N, C-alpha and C. Protein backbone atom coordinates (compact mmCIF):
# COMPACT_ATOMS: atom_id res chain seq x y z
N MET A 1 0.86 -1.17 0.00
CA MET A 1 0.00 0.00 0.00
C MET A 1 0.90 1.23 0.00
N ASN A 2 0.48 2.27 -0.70
CA ASN A 2 1.27 3.50 -0.67
C ASN A 2 0.53 4.56 0.15
N LEU A 3 1.25 5.59 0.53
CA LEU A 3 0.74 6.63 1.42
C LEU A 3 -0.49 7.34 0.84
N SER A 4 -0.56 7.49 -0.45
CA SER A 4 -1.69 8.20 -1.05
C SER A 4 -3.00 7.42 -0.93
N ASN A 5 -2.94 6.11 -0.72
CA ASN A 5 -4.14 5.28 -0.57
C ASN A 5 -4.53 5.03 0.87
N MET A 6 -3.75 5.51 1.81
CA MET A 6 -3.98 5.25 3.22
C MET A 6 -5.15 6.09 3.75
N PRO A 7 -6.02 5.51 4.58
CA PRO A 7 -7.13 6.28 5.15
C PRO A 7 -6.65 7.28 6.21
N VAL A 8 -7.40 8.36 6.37
CA VAL A 8 -7.07 9.39 7.35
C VAL A 8 -7.16 8.82 8.76
N GLY A 9 -6.21 9.20 9.61
CA GLY A 9 -6.20 8.80 11.01
C GLY A 9 -5.47 7.50 11.30
N VAL A 10 -5.08 6.79 10.28
CA VAL A 10 -4.41 5.50 10.44
C VAL A 10 -2.91 5.71 10.58
N GLN A 11 -2.31 4.92 11.47
CA GLN A 11 -0.87 4.98 11.66
C GLN A 11 -0.22 3.85 10.87
N ALA A 12 0.92 4.13 10.28
CA ALA A 12 1.64 3.14 9.48
C ALA A 12 3.14 3.35 9.62
N ARG A 13 3.88 2.41 9.06
CA ARG A 13 5.33 2.48 9.07
C ARG A 13 5.82 2.52 7.63
N VAL A 14 6.80 3.37 7.37
CA VAL A 14 7.36 3.50 6.02
C VAL A 14 8.13 2.22 5.71
N LYS A 15 7.77 1.62 4.58
CA LYS A 15 8.43 0.40 4.14
C LYS A 15 9.54 0.72 3.13
N ALA A 16 9.26 1.66 2.21
CA ALA A 16 10.24 2.03 1.19
C ALA A 16 9.86 3.37 0.58
N VAL A 17 10.85 4.06 0.05
CA VAL A 17 10.62 5.29 -0.71
C VAL A 17 11.12 5.03 -2.12
N ARG A 18 10.18 4.98 -3.06
CA ARG A 18 10.50 4.66 -4.44
C ARG A 18 10.81 5.92 -5.24
N GLY A 19 11.54 5.76 -6.31
CA GLY A 19 11.80 6.88 -7.21
C GLY A 19 13.20 7.44 -7.05
N GLU A 20 13.49 8.36 -7.95
CA GLU A 20 14.78 9.03 -7.95
C GLU A 20 14.55 10.51 -8.18
N GLY A 21 15.55 11.30 -7.89
CA GLY A 21 15.43 12.72 -8.15
C GLY A 21 15.36 13.56 -6.89
N PHE A 22 15.17 14.85 -7.11
CA PHE A 22 15.20 15.82 -6.04
C PHE A 22 14.13 15.59 -4.99
N ILE A 23 12.90 15.35 -5.41
CA ILE A 23 11.79 15.21 -4.46
C ILE A 23 12.00 14.00 -3.55
N THR A 24 12.37 12.87 -4.12
CA THR A 24 12.60 11.67 -3.33
C THR A 24 13.73 11.89 -2.33
N ARG A 25 14.80 12.50 -2.78
CA ARG A 25 15.93 12.78 -1.89
C ARG A 25 15.51 13.73 -0.77
N ARG A 26 14.73 14.75 -1.12
CA ARG A 26 14.28 15.73 -0.12
C ARG A 26 13.36 15.08 0.91
N LEU A 27 12.47 14.20 0.49
CA LEU A 27 11.61 13.49 1.43
C LEU A 27 12.44 12.70 2.44
N MET A 28 13.47 12.03 1.94
CA MET A 28 14.33 11.25 2.84
C MET A 28 15.12 12.15 3.78
N GLU A 29 15.53 13.31 3.31
CA GLU A 29 16.22 14.27 4.18
C GLU A 29 15.31 14.77 5.30
N MET A 30 14.01 14.82 5.03
CA MET A 30 13.03 15.29 6.02
C MET A 30 12.58 14.17 6.95
N GLY A 31 13.15 12.98 6.81
CA GLY A 31 12.86 11.91 7.75
C GLY A 31 11.94 10.83 7.26
N VAL A 32 11.50 10.90 6.01
CA VAL A 32 10.64 9.86 5.44
C VAL A 32 11.56 8.75 4.94
N ILE A 33 11.95 7.88 5.89
CA ILE A 33 12.87 6.79 5.58
C ILE A 33 12.26 5.48 6.08
N PRO A 34 12.68 4.35 5.54
CA PRO A 34 12.14 3.07 5.99
C PRO A 34 12.27 2.88 7.50
N GLY A 35 11.17 2.41 8.11
CA GLY A 35 11.14 2.15 9.55
C GLY A 35 10.49 3.25 10.36
N VAL A 36 10.31 4.44 9.80
CA VAL A 36 9.72 5.56 10.53
C VAL A 36 8.20 5.40 10.59
N SER A 37 7.63 5.66 11.75
CA SER A 37 6.19 5.61 11.94
C SER A 37 5.58 6.95 11.57
N LEU A 38 4.43 6.91 10.88
CA LEU A 38 3.75 8.15 10.50
C LEU A 38 2.24 7.96 10.57
N ARG A 39 1.52 9.08 10.56
CA ARG A 39 0.06 9.06 10.61
C ARG A 39 -0.48 10.09 9.63
N LEU A 40 -1.46 9.68 8.84
CA LEU A 40 -2.11 10.60 7.91
C LEU A 40 -3.13 11.41 8.70
N VAL A 41 -2.88 12.72 8.83
CA VAL A 41 -3.71 13.59 9.65
C VAL A 41 -4.96 14.04 8.90
N LYS A 42 -4.76 14.61 7.72
CA LYS A 42 -5.91 15.07 6.94
C LYS A 42 -5.53 15.24 5.49
N SER A 43 -6.58 15.40 4.70
CA SER A 43 -6.43 15.58 3.26
C SER A 43 -7.19 16.84 2.87
N ALA A 44 -6.66 17.59 1.93
CA ALA A 44 -7.33 18.80 1.45
C ALA A 44 -8.66 18.41 0.77
N PRO A 45 -9.57 19.37 0.59
CA PRO A 45 -10.88 19.06 0.03
C PRO A 45 -10.88 18.23 -1.26
N PHE A 46 -9.96 18.49 -2.15
CA PHE A 46 -9.90 17.71 -3.39
C PHE A 46 -8.82 16.63 -3.32
N GLY A 47 -8.30 16.36 -2.12
CA GLY A 47 -7.34 15.28 -1.92
C GLY A 47 -5.88 15.65 -2.11
N ASP A 48 -5.59 16.90 -2.40
CA ASP A 48 -4.20 17.27 -2.65
C ASP A 48 -3.94 18.67 -2.11
N PRO A 49 -3.05 18.90 -1.20
CA PRO A 49 -2.07 17.99 -0.61
C PRO A 49 -2.64 17.22 0.58
N ILE A 50 -1.79 16.37 1.17
CA ILE A 50 -2.17 15.66 2.38
C ILE A 50 -1.21 16.06 3.50
N GLU A 51 -1.69 15.97 4.74
CA GLU A 51 -0.85 16.29 5.89
C GLU A 51 -0.49 15.00 6.62
N VAL A 52 0.80 14.81 6.84
CA VAL A 52 1.32 13.62 7.50
C VAL A 52 2.06 14.06 8.76
N ARG A 53 1.89 13.31 9.83
CA ARG A 53 2.58 13.61 11.09
C ARG A 53 3.64 12.53 11.31
N LEU A 54 4.91 12.95 11.44
CA LEU A 54 6.00 12.02 11.69
C LEU A 54 7.12 12.72 12.44
N LEU A 55 7.80 11.98 13.26
CA LEU A 55 8.97 12.48 14.00
C LEU A 55 8.70 13.79 14.73
N GLY A 56 7.47 13.98 15.21
CA GLY A 56 7.14 15.17 15.99
C GLY A 56 6.82 16.41 15.19
N TYR A 57 6.67 16.30 13.88
CA TYR A 57 6.29 17.47 13.08
C TYR A 57 5.30 17.07 12.00
N SER A 58 4.64 18.07 11.42
CA SER A 58 3.68 17.84 10.34
C SER A 58 4.33 18.17 9.01
N LEU A 59 4.00 17.36 8.01
CA LEU A 59 4.56 17.51 6.68
C LEU A 59 3.42 17.48 5.67
N ALA A 60 3.33 18.49 4.82
CA ALA A 60 2.32 18.51 3.76
C ALA A 60 3.00 18.12 2.45
N ILE A 61 2.46 17.09 1.81
CA ILE A 61 3.02 16.65 0.53
C ILE A 61 1.90 16.42 -0.48
N ARG A 62 2.28 16.45 -1.75
CA ARG A 62 1.33 16.21 -2.83
C ARG A 62 1.04 14.72 -2.95
N LYS A 63 -0.12 14.40 -3.49
CA LYS A 63 -0.49 13.00 -3.70
C LYS A 63 0.53 12.28 -4.59
N LYS A 64 1.04 13.00 -5.59
CA LYS A 64 2.01 12.38 -6.51
C LYS A 64 3.25 11.91 -5.75
N GLU A 65 3.74 12.72 -4.81
CA GLU A 65 4.89 12.31 -4.00
C GLU A 65 4.51 11.20 -3.03
N ALA A 66 3.28 11.25 -2.50
CA ALA A 66 2.83 10.23 -1.56
C ALA A 66 2.73 8.86 -2.22
N GLU A 67 2.51 8.81 -3.52
CA GLU A 67 2.45 7.54 -4.24
C GLU A 67 3.79 6.83 -4.24
N ALA A 68 4.88 7.56 -4.07
CA ALA A 68 6.21 6.96 -4.06
C ALA A 68 6.59 6.39 -2.70
N ILE A 69 5.77 6.64 -1.68
CA ILE A 69 6.07 6.18 -0.32
C ILE A 69 5.25 4.94 -0.02
N GLU A 70 5.92 3.80 0.09
CA GLU A 70 5.25 2.54 0.39
C GLU A 70 5.19 2.37 1.90
N VAL A 71 4.00 2.04 2.43
CA VAL A 71 3.81 1.90 3.86
C VAL A 71 3.18 0.54 4.19
N GLU A 72 3.31 0.14 5.45
CA GLU A 72 2.63 -1.05 5.96
C GLU A 72 1.88 -0.65 7.21
N LEU A 73 0.64 -1.09 7.31
CA LEU A 73 -0.21 -0.73 8.46
C LEU A 73 0.17 -1.50 9.69
């Protein structure tokens, strides 16, 4: 399952971050790495962006970037 398909309020653990390039590298620099626990807080009215809570802070990311983050519930 990827982060973009996860229901709001559910806690999960990052399994992998797929892709290459600046955005993927930046996500990993911000702490989105395998093994980190996160929770999907809310989604904007049309589903983009989404707010994720991890490592004591909130992160807003686009659905397209969230598709690259594989999680396990």
